[in-house]
Structures are given as C-alpha cells and as structure tokens.
Amino acid sequence: MKFRILLTAGLFVVLAVTAAFGQQPAVKAQISFPFTVGGKLLPAGTYDFVKDEVAGVFKVSDEKKNEAAAPIHTRLAASAHAVPSNTLVVFDKLGETYVLAEIWIPGEDGYVLALTKAKHEHMVVKGKL
C-alpha cells in the first residue's frame, strides 16, 4: 500500500514538473491590421503567439477568442537582420493582405510559418515575451 502511494505521488511530481518546464513562453504583440494565419483571417488586436512543439505549430489567439494555428515550416538562423534580443512578429504584405510569416524569439533561431513566393514586402511588429 505504501508503495502505491509513493508511486502515485512520484507520478504527480513528474507530471507537474514536466508541465511547468514544457510550457512555452507566449509572444504577445499588438497587431494594428487584420492578418491571415493558416488561411484564417484574424482582426487587428493584441495576440498571444504560443509555440506548441508537439503539434509543430504556433497557436495564435486573443482575448476575444479569435484563434488560429500556423504550422512551423522551418527554422532560420539568427543573423544581422534579426537581433536576438528582440521579439519580432513578421508578416508578408501582399497589397493590403498581411500573412503571418515568421516569429523571432530572443535566444532562439527564427520560425518560418508561411512561404510567400509572390513578390511581397515585410511588415515587422515588435512583440514581448
């Protein structure tokens, strides 16, 4: 009986520690224009961008329950154009359409979320952790 209690308590400790360390920090950014994430149009607002390593996506949501998921296509090495100390959310701008394209988190390489082949501009929004 004591063994069962110890085993159960140990399992709860392992699960609690795994959950605490497994959570990814959310990037928060004020987006002043409507934008598309994974084919879904989201309105302007303040959004959280949370990396889900298991699903291979960034979950994008706001307080008004607008949400979408952006698949992580690949990673980009940090370089001179992306200062590792800045949190950046990058959109591909095609005319008046904005598509969530990249997320840069301090201390990590960048995440590519959309691949736009057509000629486009970048709109960079500073975020925070």
N, C-alpha and C. Protein backbone atom coordinates (compact mmCIF):
# COMPACT_ATOMS: atom_id res chain seq x y z
N MET A 1 0.83 -1.19 0.00
CA MET A 1 0.00 0.00 0.00
C MET A 1 0.87 1.25 0.00
N LYS A 2 1.91 1.27 0.84
CA LYS A 2 2.79 2.43 0.89
C LYS A 2 3.47 2.64 -0.47
N PHE A 3 3.81 1.51 -1.11
CA PHE A 3 4.47 1.60 -2.41
C PHE A 3 3.56 2.29 -3.43
N ARG A 4 2.27 1.93 -3.41
CA ARG A 4 1.30 2.55 -4.33
C ARG A 4 1.19 4.05 -4.09
N ILE A 5 1.14 4.43 -2.85
CA ILE A 5 1.02 5.85 -2.51
C ILE A 5 2.27 6.60 -2.96
N LEU A 6 3.44 6.03 -2.70
CA LEU A 6 4.68 6.67 -3.14
C LEU A 6 4.76 6.73 -4.66
N LEU A 7 4.34 5.68 -5.34
CA LEU A 7 4.37 5.65 -6.79
C LEU A 7 3.42 6.71 -7.37
N THR A 8 2.23 6.81 -6.80
CA THR A 8 1.25 7.81 -7.26
C THR A 8 1.76 9.22 -7.01
N ALA A 9 2.31 9.46 -5.83
CA ALA A 9 2.86 10.79 -5.51
C ALA A 9 4.01 11.12 -6.44
N GLY A 10 4.88 10.16 -6.70
CA GLY A 10 6.00 10.38 -7.63
C GLY A 10 5.52 10.71 -9.02
N LEU A 11 4.48 10.03 -9.48
CA LEU A 11 3.92 10.30 -10.80
C LEU A 11 3.39 11.73 -10.89
N PHE A 12 2.69 12.18 -9.85
CA PHE A 12 2.17 13.55 -9.84
C PHE A 12 3.30 14.58 -9.87
N VAL A 13 4.36 14.33 -9.15
CA VAL A 13 5.51 15.24 -9.16
C VAL A 13 6.13 15.30 -10.55
N VAL A 14 6.32 14.16 -11.18
CA VAL A 14 6.89 14.13 -12.54
C VAL A 14 5.99 14.88 -13.51
N LEU A 15 4.69 14.67 -13.44
CA LEU A 15 3.76 15.36 -14.33
C LEU A 15 3.77 16.86 -14.09
N ALA A 16 3.80 17.28 -12.84
CA ALA A 16 3.81 18.71 -12.53
C ALA A 16 5.08 19.37 -13.04
N VAL A 17 6.22 18.74 -12.83
CA VAL A 17 7.48 19.30 -13.29
C VAL A 17 7.52 19.35 -14.81
N THR A 18 7.06 18.28 -15.47
CA THR A 18 7.03 18.24 -16.94
C THR A 18 6.13 19.35 -17.48
N ALA A 19 4.98 19.54 -16.87
CA ALA A 19 4.06 20.59 -17.34
C ALA A 19 4.67 21.97 -17.15
N ALA A 20 5.31 22.19 -16.02
CA ALA A 20 5.90 23.51 -15.75
C ALA A 20 7.02 23.83 -16.71
N PHE A 21 7.89 22.86 -16.98
CA PHE A 21 9.02 23.10 -17.87
C PHE A 21 8.63 22.97 -19.33
N GLY A 22 7.53 22.29 -19.64
CA GLY A 22 7.13 22.08 -21.02
C GLY A 22 6.38 23.25 -21.62
N GLN A 23 5.91 24.16 -20.79
CA GLN A 23 5.17 25.30 -21.31
C GLN A 23 6.11 26.26 -22.02
N GLN A 24 5.69 26.71 -23.17
CA GLN A 24 6.48 27.65 -23.95
C GLN A 24 6.04 29.08 -23.60
N PRO A 25 6.97 30.01 -23.53
CA PRO A 25 6.56 31.39 -23.28
C PRO A 25 5.76 31.92 -24.47
N ALA A 26 4.79 32.72 -24.17
CA ALA A 26 3.97 33.32 -25.21
C ALA A 26 4.59 34.64 -25.66
N VAL A 27 4.62 34.83 -26.95
CA VAL A 27 4.98 36.14 -27.50
C VAL A 27 3.67 36.92 -27.57
N LYS A 28 3.69 38.13 -27.09
CA LYS A 28 2.50 38.99 -27.13
C LYS A 28 2.82 40.17 -28.03
N ALA A 29 1.89 40.49 -28.93
CA ALA A 29 2.11 41.62 -29.84
C ALA A 29 0.79 42.29 -30.19
N GLN A 30 0.84 43.61 -30.30
CA GLN A 30 -0.30 44.41 -30.74
C GLN A 30 -0.22 44.51 -32.25
N ILE A 31 -1.18 43.92 -32.94
CA ILE A 31 -1.22 43.93 -34.40
C ILE A 31 -2.29 44.93 -34.83
N SER A 32 -1.88 45.93 -35.60
CA SER A 32 -2.79 47.04 -35.93
C SER A 32 -3.54 46.84 -37.25
N PHE A 33 -3.51 45.64 -37.79
CA PHE A 33 -4.16 45.38 -39.07
C PHE A 33 -4.68 43.93 -39.06
N PRO A 34 -5.72 43.65 -39.85
CA PRO A 34 -6.17 42.25 -39.97
C PRO A 34 -5.08 41.43 -40.66
N PHE A 35 -4.98 40.16 -40.29
CA PHE A 35 -3.94 39.32 -40.88
C PHE A 35 -4.43 37.88 -40.99
N THR A 36 -3.76 37.13 -41.85
CA THR A 36 -4.13 35.74 -42.11
C THR A 36 -3.14 34.80 -41.44
N VAL A 37 -3.68 33.77 -40.80
CA VAL A 37 -2.87 32.72 -40.17
C VAL A 37 -3.44 31.38 -40.62
N GLY A 38 -2.65 30.60 -41.30
CA GLY A 38 -3.11 29.28 -41.74
C GLY A 38 -4.41 29.33 -42.52
N GLY A 39 -4.58 30.36 -43.35
CA GLY A 39 -5.79 30.50 -44.16
C GLY A 39 -6.96 31.16 -43.46
N LYS A 40 -6.82 31.52 -42.18
CA LYS A 40 -7.91 32.15 -41.42
C LYS A 40 -7.60 33.62 -41.19
N LEU A 41 -8.56 34.49 -41.48
CA LEU A 41 -8.41 35.93 -41.30
C LEU A 41 -8.74 36.30 -39.86
N LEU A 42 -7.80 36.97 -39.20
CA LEU A 42 -8.00 37.44 -37.83
C LEU A 42 -8.02 38.97 -37.82
N PRO A 43 -8.86 39.57 -36.97
CA PRO A 43 -8.92 41.03 -36.91
C PRO A 43 -7.72 41.61 -36.17
N ALA A 44 -7.52 42.91 -36.32
CA ALA A 44 -6.47 43.61 -35.57
C ALA A 44 -6.73 43.43 -34.08
N GLY A 45 -5.66 43.43 -33.30
CA GLY A 45 -5.81 43.29 -31.85
C GLY A 45 -4.52 42.85 -31.21
N THR A 46 -4.59 42.56 -29.91
CA THR A 46 -3.44 42.08 -29.16
C THR A 46 -3.51 40.56 -29.12
N TYR A 47 -2.45 39.93 -29.59
CA TYR A 47 -2.43 38.47 -29.73
C TYR A 47 -1.29 37.83 -28.96
N ASP A 48 -1.54 36.59 -28.54
CA ASP A 48 -0.51 35.72 -27.99
C ASP A 48 -0.14 34.72 -29.07
N PHE A 49 1.16 34.48 -29.22
CA PHE A 49 1.69 33.51 -30.18
C PHE A 49 2.44 32.47 -29.35
N VAL A 50 1.88 31.28 -29.21
CA VAL A 50 2.43 30.26 -28.33
C VAL A 50 2.91 29.07 -29.15
N LYS A 51 4.18 28.72 -28.97
CA LYS A 51 4.76 27.60 -29.70
C LYS A 51 4.31 26.29 -29.08
N ASP A 52 3.78 25.39 -29.91
CA ASP A 52 3.40 24.05 -29.49
C ASP A 52 4.33 23.08 -30.22
N GLU A 53 5.41 22.68 -29.52
CA GLU A 53 6.43 21.81 -30.13
C GLU A 53 5.84 20.48 -30.57
N VAL A 54 4.94 19.93 -29.78
CA VAL A 54 4.38 18.61 -30.09
C VAL A 54 3.58 18.65 -31.39
N ALA A 55 2.74 19.67 -31.55
CA ALA A 55 1.92 19.79 -32.76
C ALA A 55 2.69 20.43 -33.91
N GLY A 56 3.84 21.07 -33.63
CA GLY A 56 4.61 21.73 -34.68
C GLY A 56 3.95 22.97 -35.23
N VAL A 57 3.30 23.74 -34.34
CA VAL A 57 2.58 24.95 -34.74
C VAL A 57 2.81 26.06 -33.74
N PHE A 58 2.47 27.28 -34.15
CA PHE A 58 2.29 28.40 -33.24
C PHE A 58 0.79 28.61 -33.14
N LYS A 59 0.27 28.59 -31.92
CA LYS A 59 -1.14 28.89 -31.69
C LYS A 59 -1.27 30.38 -31.50
N VAL A 60 -2.18 30.99 -32.23
CA VAL A 60 -2.38 32.43 -32.22
C VAL A 60 -3.77 32.69 -31.67
N SER A 61 -3.87 33.53 -30.61
CA SER A 61 -5.17 33.80 -30.02
C SER A 61 -5.19 35.16 -29.36
N ASP A 62 -6.42 35.68 -29.21
CA ASP A 62 -6.60 36.93 -28.47
C ASP A 62 -7.64 36.72 -27.38
N GLU A 63 -7.94 37.76 -26.63
CA GLU A 63 -8.90 37.66 -25.53
C GLU A 63 -10.33 37.50 -26.01
N LYS A 64 -10.60 37.85 -27.27
CA LYS A 64 -11.95 37.76 -27.82
C LYS A 64 -12.23 36.39 -28.44
N LYS A 65 -11.34 35.45 -28.18
CA LYS A 65 -11.46 34.07 -28.65
C LYS A 65 -11.26 33.91 -30.16
N ASN A 66 -10.61 34.90 -30.79
CA ASN A 66 -10.16 34.70 -32.16
C ASN A 66 -8.92 33.83 -32.07
N GLU A 67 -8.85 32.79 -32.89
CA GLU A 67 -7.69 31.92 -32.81
C GLU A 67 -7.45 31.19 -34.13
N ALA A 68 -6.21 30.79 -34.30
CA ALA A 68 -5.79 30.03 -35.48
C ALA A 68 -4.47 29.36 -35.14
N ALA A 69 -4.04 28.47 -36.02
CA ALA A 69 -2.75 27.79 -35.82
C ALA A 69 -1.92 27.93 -37.09
N ALA A 70 -0.65 28.25 -36.91
CA ALA A 70 0.29 28.40 -38.03
C ALA A 70 1.32 27.28 -37.95
N PRO A 71 1.39 26.43 -38.97
CA PRO A 71 2.40 25.37 -38.93
C PRO A 71 3.81 25.93 -39.04
N ILE A 72 4.73 25.32 -38.31
CA ILE A 72 6.14 25.72 -38.40
C ILE A 72 6.74 24.97 -39.59
N HIS A 73 7.11 25.73 -40.64
CA HIS A 73 7.68 25.11 -41.84
C HIS A 73 9.15 24.77 -41.65
N THR A 74 9.90 25.71 -41.08
CA THR A 74 11.34 25.50 -40.87
C THR A 74 11.85 26.54 -39.89
N ARG A 75 13.13 26.47 -39.60
CA ARG A 75 13.78 27.43 -38.72
C ARG A 75 14.80 28.22 -39.52
N LEU A 76 15.03 29.48 -39.13
CA LEU A 76 16.03 30.33 -39.76
C LEU A 76 17.07 30.73 -38.72
N ALA A 77 18.32 30.63 -39.08
CA ALA A 77 19.38 31.04 -38.16
C ALA A 77 19.33 32.55 -37.95
N ALA A 78 19.50 32.97 -36.71
CA ALA A 78 19.55 34.39 -36.40
C ALA A 78 20.71 35.03 -37.15
N SER A 79 20.47 36.23 -37.66
CA SER A 79 21.51 36.92 -38.43
C SER A 79 21.47 38.41 -38.13
N ALA A 80 22.19 39.17 -38.91
CA ALA A 80 22.29 40.62 -38.69
C ALA A 80 20.93 41.30 -38.79
N HIS A 81 20.01 40.79 -39.62
CA HIS A 81 18.71 41.47 -39.78
C HIS A 81 17.74 41.13 -38.65
N ALA A 82 18.06 40.17 -37.81
CA ALA A 82 17.18 39.80 -36.70
C ALA A 82 18.01 39.79 -35.42
N VAL A 83 17.94 40.85 -34.69
CA VAL A 83 18.72 40.96 -33.45
C VAL A 83 18.12 40.00 -32.43
N PRO A 84 18.90 39.05 -31.90
CA PRO A 84 18.38 38.05 -30.99
C PRO A 84 17.74 38.61 -29.73
N SER A 85 18.03 39.85 -29.36
CA SER A 85 17.45 40.41 -28.15
C SER A 85 16.03 40.95 -28.38
N ASN A 86 15.58 41.00 -29.63
CA ASN A 86 14.24 41.49 -29.94
C ASN A 86 13.28 40.35 -30.22
N THR A 87 12.05 40.50 -29.75
CA THR A 87 10.99 39.58 -30.11
C THR A 87 10.26 40.21 -31.28
N LEU A 88 10.20 39.50 -32.41
CA LEU A 88 9.62 40.06 -33.62
C LEU A 88 8.56 39.13 -34.21
N VAL A 89 7.50 39.73 -34.70
CA VAL A 89 6.47 39.02 -35.45
C VAL A 89 6.50 39.64 -36.85
N VAL A 90 6.75 38.81 -37.87
CA VAL A 90 6.94 39.31 -39.23
C VAL A 90 5.79 38.83 -40.11
N PHE A 91 5.26 39.77 -40.89
CA PHE A 91 4.18 39.48 -41.82
C PHE A 91 4.65 39.71 -43.24
N ASP A 92 4.19 38.87 -44.17
CA ASP A 92 4.38 39.13 -45.59
C ASP A 92 3.20 39.98 -46.04
N LYS A 93 3.51 41.12 -46.66
CA LYS A 93 2.47 42.04 -47.11
C LYS A 93 2.35 41.94 -48.63
N LEU A 94 1.18 41.53 -49.07
CA LEU A 94 0.86 41.42 -50.50
C LEU A 94 -0.31 42.37 -50.76
N GLY A 95 -0.04 43.55 -51.27
CA GLY A 95 -1.09 44.56 -51.43
C GLY A 95 -1.57 44.98 -50.06
N GLU A 96 -2.85 44.74 -49.77
CA GLU A 96 -3.41 45.07 -48.46
C GLU A 96 -3.61 43.83 -47.60
N THR A 97 -3.05 42.72 -48.02
CA THR A 97 -3.18 41.46 -47.29
C THR A 97 -1.90 41.19 -46.51
N TYR A 98 -2.04 40.83 -45.24
CA TYR A 98 -0.91 40.50 -44.37
C TYR A 98 -1.01 39.04 -43.96
N VAL A 99 0.09 38.31 -44.14
CA VAL A 99 0.14 36.90 -43.78
C VAL A 99 1.22 36.70 -42.73
N LEU A 100 0.88 36.06 -41.60
CA LEU A 100 1.87 35.77 -40.58
C LEU A 100 2.94 34.87 -41.19
N ALA A 101 4.20 35.34 -41.20
CA ALA A 101 5.26 34.63 -41.91
C ALA A 101 6.37 34.11 -41.00
N GLU A 102 6.78 34.89 -39.99
CA GLU A 102 7.91 34.49 -39.15
C GLU A 102 7.69 34.98 -37.73
N ILE A 103 8.30 34.27 -36.78
CA ILE A 103 8.36 34.71 -35.40
C ILE A 103 9.79 34.53 -34.92
N TRP A 104 10.32 35.57 -34.29
CA TRP A 104 11.69 35.56 -33.75
C TRP A 104 11.61 35.75 -32.25
N ILE A 105 12.22 34.82 -31.51
CA ILE A 105 12.22 34.85 -30.06
C ILE A 105 13.66 34.99 -29.59
N PRO A 106 13.94 35.89 -28.65
CA PRO A 106 15.32 36.05 -28.16
C PRO A 106 15.93 34.73 -27.72
N GLY A 107 17.18 34.52 -28.11
CA GLY A 107 17.89 33.31 -27.73
C GLY A 107 17.57 32.09 -28.59
N GLU A 108 16.72 32.25 -29.59
CA GLU A 108 16.36 31.14 -30.47
C GLU A 108 16.51 31.58 -31.93
N ASP A 109 16.57 30.60 -32.83
CA ASP A 109 16.50 30.91 -34.25
C ASP A 109 15.07 31.31 -34.58
N GLY A 110 14.87 31.85 -35.78
CA GLY A 110 13.53 32.25 -36.19
C GLY A 110 12.69 31.06 -36.62
N TYR A 111 11.38 31.25 -36.62
CA TYR A 111 10.43 30.23 -37.06
C TYR A 111 9.74 30.73 -38.31
N VAL A 112 9.77 29.95 -39.39
CA VAL A 112 9.07 30.29 -40.63
C VAL A 112 7.70 29.63 -40.59
N LEU A 113 6.65 30.45 -40.74
CA LEU A 113 5.28 29.96 -40.64
C LEU A 113 4.53 30.00 -41.96
N ALA A 114 5.01 30.79 -42.90
CA ALA A 114 4.37 30.87 -44.22
C ALA A 114 5.45 31.13 -45.25
N LEU A 115 5.27 30.55 -46.41
CA LEU A 115 6.21 30.72 -47.52
C LEU A 115 5.48 31.43 -48.65
N THR A 116 5.77 32.71 -48.82
CA THR A 116 5.13 33.50 -49.86
C THR A 116 6.08 33.60 -51.04
N LYS A 117 5.65 33.04 -52.18
CA LYS A 117 6.52 33.04 -53.36
C LYS A 117 6.35 34.31 -54.19
N ALA A 118 5.18 34.92 -54.13
CA ALA A 118 4.94 36.14 -54.90
C ALA A 118 5.75 37.29 -54.31
N LYS A 119 6.00 38.31 -55.13
CA LYS A 119 6.72 39.48 -54.65
C LYS A 119 5.92 40.11 -53.51
N HIS A 120 6.64 40.40 -52.41
CA HIS A 120 5.97 40.95 -51.23
C HIS A 120 6.95 41.80 -50.43
N GLU A 121 6.39 42.54 -49.48
CA GLU A 121 7.16 43.32 -48.52
C GLU A 121 7.03 42.67 -47.16
N HIS A 122 7.89 43.05 -46.23
CA HIS A 122 7.77 42.57 -44.85
C HIS A 122 7.27 43.69 -43.96
N MET A 123 6.37 43.35 -43.07
CA MET A 123 5.90 44.25 -42.03
C MET A 123 6.33 43.61 -40.72
N VAL A 124 7.19 44.31 -39.96
CA VAL A 124 7.73 43.77 -38.72
C VAL A 124 7.05 44.46 -37.53
N VAL A 125 6.57 43.67 -36.61
CA VAL A 125 5.93 44.18 -35.40
C VAL A 125 6.74 43.68 -34.21
N LYS A 126 7.13 44.60 -33.34
CA LYS A 126 7.87 44.21 -32.13
C LYS A 126 6.89 43.62 -31.13
N GLY A 127 7.29 42.52 -30.55
CA GLY A 127 6.49 41.87 -29.53
C GLY A 127 7.24 41.84 -28.23
N LYS A 128 6.69 41.11 -27.26
CA LYS A 128 7.36 40.94 -25.98
C LYS A 128 7.03 39.56 -25.47
N LEU A 129 7.90 39.06 -24.62
CA LEU A 129 7.66 37.74 -24.00
C LEU A 129 6.80 37.89 -22.79
